[in-house]
Protein backbone atom coordinates (compact mmCIF):
# COMPACT_ATOMS: atom_id res chain seq x y z
CA MET A 1 21.88 -20.98 -51.36
CA LYS A 2 20.76 -22.10 -54.79
CA LEU A 3 18.35 -25.07 -55.43
CA PHE A 4 18.60 -26.51 -58.91
CA GLU A 5 15.15 -28.07 -59.35
CA PHE A 6 12.45 -29.17 -61.75
CA GLY A 7 8.77 -29.33 -60.93
CA PRO A 8 7.59 -32.84 -59.93
CA THR A 9 11.01 -34.52 -59.32
CA ARG A 10 12.45 -35.28 -55.94
CA SER A 11 13.28 -31.55 -55.95
CA ILE A 12 10.01 -31.23 -54.06
CA ARG A 13 11.63 -32.76 -50.93
CA ALA A 14 14.42 -30.19 -50.99
CA ARG A 15 12.04 -27.25 -51.66
CA TRP A 16 9.75 -28.49 -48.91
CA THR A 17 12.49 -28.46 -46.40
CA LEU A 18 13.72 -24.93 -47.45
CA GLN A 19 10.09 -23.68 -47.21
CA GLU A 20 9.51 -25.21 -43.80
CA LEU A 21 12.83 -23.63 -42.63
CA GLN A 22 11.66 -20.34 -44.04
CA VAL A 23 15.21 -19.48 -45.27
CA PRO A 24 16.05 -17.50 -48.38
CA PHE A 25 17.20 -19.42 -51.43
CA GLU A 26 17.49 -18.95 -55.15
CA SER A 27 15.53 -21.36 -57.36
CA VAL A 28 17.19 -22.40 -60.58
CA THR A 29 14.93 -24.32 -62.89
CA VAL A 30 16.58 -27.04 -64.93
CA ASP A 31 14.08 -27.95 -67.67
CA MET A 32 14.24 -31.75 -67.93
CA MET A 33 11.62 -31.71 -70.70
CA ALA A 34 14.15 -29.72 -72.81
CA GLY A 35 17.07 -31.88 -71.85
CA ALA A 36 18.71 -29.19 -69.78
CA HIS A 37 19.84 -31.74 -67.19
CA ARG A 38 22.05 -33.36 -69.88
CA SER A 39 23.69 -30.07 -70.90
CA ALA A 40 27.46 -29.72 -70.38
CA GLU A 41 26.84 -26.76 -68.06
CA PHE A 42 24.66 -28.73 -65.78
CA LEU A 43 26.79 -31.88 -65.92
CA ARG A 44 29.59 -29.83 -64.50
CA ILE A 45 27.44 -29.27 -61.49
CA ASN A 46 26.12 -32.84 -61.14
CA PRO A 47 27.75 -35.35 -63.45
CA ALA A 48 24.85 -37.76 -62.76
CA GLY A 49 22.50 -35.32 -64.55
CA LYS A 50 19.86 -35.60 -61.87
CA LEU A 51 17.97 -33.23 -59.65
CA PRO A 52 17.76 -31.68 -57.07
CA VAL A 53 21.16 -30.09 -56.45
CA LEU A 54 21.83 -27.67 -53.59
CA VAL A 55 24.68 -25.23 -53.88
CA ASP A 56 25.65 -23.58 -50.59
CA GLY A 57 28.79 -21.38 -51.04
CA ASP A 58 31.48 -23.64 -52.45
CA MET A 59 29.65 -26.86 -51.63
CA VAL A 60 27.61 -28.80 -54.12
CA LEU A 61 25.24 -31.38 -52.66
CA THR A 62 23.27 -33.88 -54.65
CA GLU A 63 20.75 -36.58 -53.54
CA SER A 64 17.52 -35.34 -52.06
CA VAL A 65 17.86 -37.21 -48.75
CA ALA A 66 21.36 -35.90 -48.26
CA ILE A 67 20.09 -32.40 -48.98
CA VAL A 68 17.24 -32.40 -46.54
CA VAL A 69 19.46 -33.81 -43.71
CA TYR A 70 22.12 -31.18 -44.45
CA LEU A 71 19.51 -28.36 -44.28
CA ALA A 72 18.00 -29.67 -41.06
CA GLU A 73 21.50 -29.80 -39.50
CA LYS A 74 22.40 -26.38 -40.83
CA TYR A 75 19.39 -24.87 -39.01
CA PRO A 76 19.12 -26.88 -35.82
CA GLU A 77 17.08 -24.24 -34.09
CA LYS A 78 14.21 -25.17 -36.49
CA GLN A 79 14.12 -28.71 -34.97
CA LEU A 80 13.58 -30.60 -38.24
CA ILE A 81 16.02 -33.27 -37.09
CA PRO A 82 16.25 -34.84 -33.65
CA THR A 83 19.07 -34.09 -31.25
CA ASP A 84 18.69 -37.26 -29.22
CA LEU A 85 20.96 -40.00 -30.60
CA ARG A 86 18.39 -42.75 -30.68
CA ASP A 87 15.71 -40.59 -32.27
CA ARG A 88 18.27 -39.43 -34.87
CA ALA A 89 19.08 -43.10 -35.52
CA GLN A 90 15.37 -43.86 -36.13
CA LEU A 91 15.09 -40.82 -38.39
CA MET A 92 17.92 -42.15 -40.53
CA ARG A 93 16.36 -45.60 -40.45
CA TRP A 94 13.09 -44.43 -41.91
CA LEU A 95 14.68 -42.03 -44.39
CA LEU A 96 16.68 -44.93 -45.79
CA PHE A 97 13.66 -47.30 -45.62
CA THR A 98 11.63 -44.73 -47.62
CA ALA A 99 14.37 -44.29 -50.25
CA THR A 100 15.23 -47.85 -50.69
CA GLU A 101 12.05 -49.92 -49.90
CA LEU A 102 9.26 -47.67 -50.97
CA GLU A 103 10.75 -45.48 -53.63
CA GLN A 104 12.71 -48.13 -55.56
CA PRO A 105 9.51 -50.15 -56.58
CA LEU A 106 7.96 -46.88 -57.73
CA TRP A 107 10.95 -46.25 -59.94
CA ARG A 108 10.69 -49.69 -61.36
CA MET A 109 6.99 -49.10 -62.25
CA ALA A 110 7.78 -45.74 -63.71
CA ARG A 111 10.64 -47.17 -65.84
CA HIS A 112 8.53 -49.92 -67.28
CA THR A 113 5.46 -47.83 -67.94
CA THR A 114 6.83 -44.47 -69.18
CA LEU A 115 10.55 -43.95 -68.96
CA TYR A 116 12.00 -46.77 -70.98
CA PRO A 117 11.42 -47.00 -74.73
CA GLU A 118 8.36 -49.19 -75.38
CA ASP A 119 10.47 -52.11 -76.76
CA ARG A 120 12.32 -52.26 -73.40
CA ARG A 121 9.35 -52.18 -71.03
CA LEU A 122 8.59 -55.36 -69.18
CA PRO A 123 5.04 -55.58 -67.92
CA GLY A 124 5.96 -58.32 -65.44
CA GLU A 125 8.31 -55.95 -63.73
CA VAL A 126 5.45 -53.55 -63.02
CA ALA A 127 3.54 -56.35 -61.28
CA LEU A 128 6.51 -57.48 -59.35
CA ALA A 129 7.32 -53.93 -58.27
CA ALA A 130 3.73 -53.44 -57.15
CA GLU A 131 4.03 -56.50 -54.88
CA ASP A 132 7.33 -55.24 -53.49
CA PHE A 133 5.73 -51.79 -52.76
CA ALA A 134 2.72 -53.34 -51.04
CA ALA A 135 4.90 -55.47 -48.74
CA MET A 136 6.93 -52.50 -47.70
CA ALA A 137 3.90 -50.20 -47.37
CA ALA A 138 2.51 -52.76 -44.92
CA VAL A 139 5.61 -52.24 -42.79
CA MET A 140 5.37 -48.46 -42.98
CA ASP A 141 1.66 -48.55 -42.20
CA ALA A 142 2.34 -50.72 -39.12
CA HIS A 143 4.98 -48.32 -37.93
CA MET A 144 2.82 -45.25 -38.41
CA GLY A 145 -0.16 -46.77 -36.56
CA ASP A 146 -1.69 -43.76 -34.85
CA ARG A 147 1.51 -41.75 -35.07
CA GLU A 148 1.23 -38.15 -36.28
CA PHE A 149 4.83 -38.02 -37.41
CA VAL A 150 7.48 -40.64 -38.55
CA VAL A 151 9.77 -39.98 -35.56
CA GLY A 152 8.95 -38.42 -32.23
CA ASP A 153 6.24 -35.94 -31.54
CA ARG A 154 7.10 -33.25 -34.08
CA VAL A 155 7.59 -32.98 -37.81
CA THR A 156 11.01 -33.80 -39.21
CA VAL A 157 12.57 -34.07 -42.62
CA ALA A 158 11.60 -37.80 -42.60
CA ASP A 159 8.00 -36.69 -43.00
CA PHE A 160 8.69 -34.52 -46.05
CA VAL A 161 10.58 -37.40 -47.72
CA LEU A 162 7.84 -39.94 -46.90
CA ALA A 163 4.85 -37.66 -47.78
CA TYR A 164 6.39 -37.01 -51.23
CA THR A 165 7.00 -40.75 -51.78
CA LEU A 166 3.42 -41.52 -50.76
CA ASP A 167 2.14 -38.87 -53.14
CA TRP A 168 4.14 -40.59 -55.90
CA ALA A 169 2.55 -43.94 -54.84
CA LYS A 170 -0.93 -42.29 -55.10
CA LEU A 171 -0.18 -41.20 -58.65
CA ALA A 172 0.93 -44.77 -59.45
CA LYS A 173 -2.38 -46.11 -58.04
CA GLN A 174 -0.56 -47.97 -55.27
CA LEU A 175 -1.99 -46.27 -52.25
CA ASP A 176 -5.69 -47.34 -52.32
CA ALA A 177 -5.08 -50.20 -49.83
CA TRP A 178 -3.51 -47.88 -47.27
CA PRO A 179 -5.99 -45.22 -46.22
CA ARG A 180 -4.03 -44.47 -43.09
CA LEU A 181 -0.90 -43.65 -45.01
CA GLU A 182 -2.95 -41.53 -47.54
CA ALA A 183 -4.52 -39.61 -44.57
CA TYR A 184 -1.09 -38.96 -43.13
CA MET A 185 0.15 -37.74 -46.53
CA GLY A 186 -2.82 -35.40 -46.78
CA ARG A 187 -2.04 -33.93 -43.37
CA MET A 188 1.62 -33.25 -44.35
CA TYR A 189 0.51 -31.49 -47.59
CA ALA A 190 -1.96 -29.38 -45.65
CA ARG A 191 0.91 -27.78 -43.74
CA PRO A 192 1.18 -24.02 -44.49
CA HIS A 193 4.62 -24.26 -46.04
CA ALA A 194 4.08 -27.53 -47.99
CA PRO A 195 5.06 -27.46 -51.65
CA MET A 196 2.91 -28.38 -54.66
CA ARG A 197 1.71 -31.93 -54.99
CA ILE A 198 3.37 -33.95 -57.76
CA ALA A 199 0.27 -33.80 -60.01
CA ASP A 200 0.08 -30.07 -59.62
CA ALA A 201 3.71 -29.68 -60.39
CA PHE A 202 3.28 -31.77 -63.57
CA ALA A 203 0.34 -29.55 -64.53
CA SER A 204 2.38 -26.42 -64.01
CA ILE A 205 5.03 -27.47 -66.51
CA ARG A 206 2.52 -28.36 -69.17
CA ARG A 207 0.86 -25.05 -69.27
């Protein structure tokens, strides 16, 4: 398998899953700072020009959530995805909740603070996105309660996706009101096969 990745992007979710599975893979760095994700060569792999991309034989898979679910299903003996139908449904529920309700406000903040040209940034969007994130963080915080993991009594790919997203929220200064979620994120990143935190990944590409 090949993982096309770049430092602090959602590639971290795919790398985390591969490292937890402890399966061999080839890392292919696509330097987004140099615009390599917009090259004709890469666009033939992913016309959306985004990372990560997993290539497994003749299959090309994009979208980080799809990749982590595929990997968990490819190696069921590692138990990173539930076999019980109801637990599996809950895993999909919280994966989608994380990607749509928590991640999207963070994207809006990023676009209107750093990604868009300055003349297209709308400060009001940042404030609205922060409100949206807080409302949905409250839902996740209530779900987690005293739970150690998102679903069931063992780690799953839902934890890797959520922990990465919470780390992003921490960088965006949106996690201060949620010490329980921050503590959970810290426990996840303390796992022996966890990847670099987003800030460390940023630092590594700036060296």
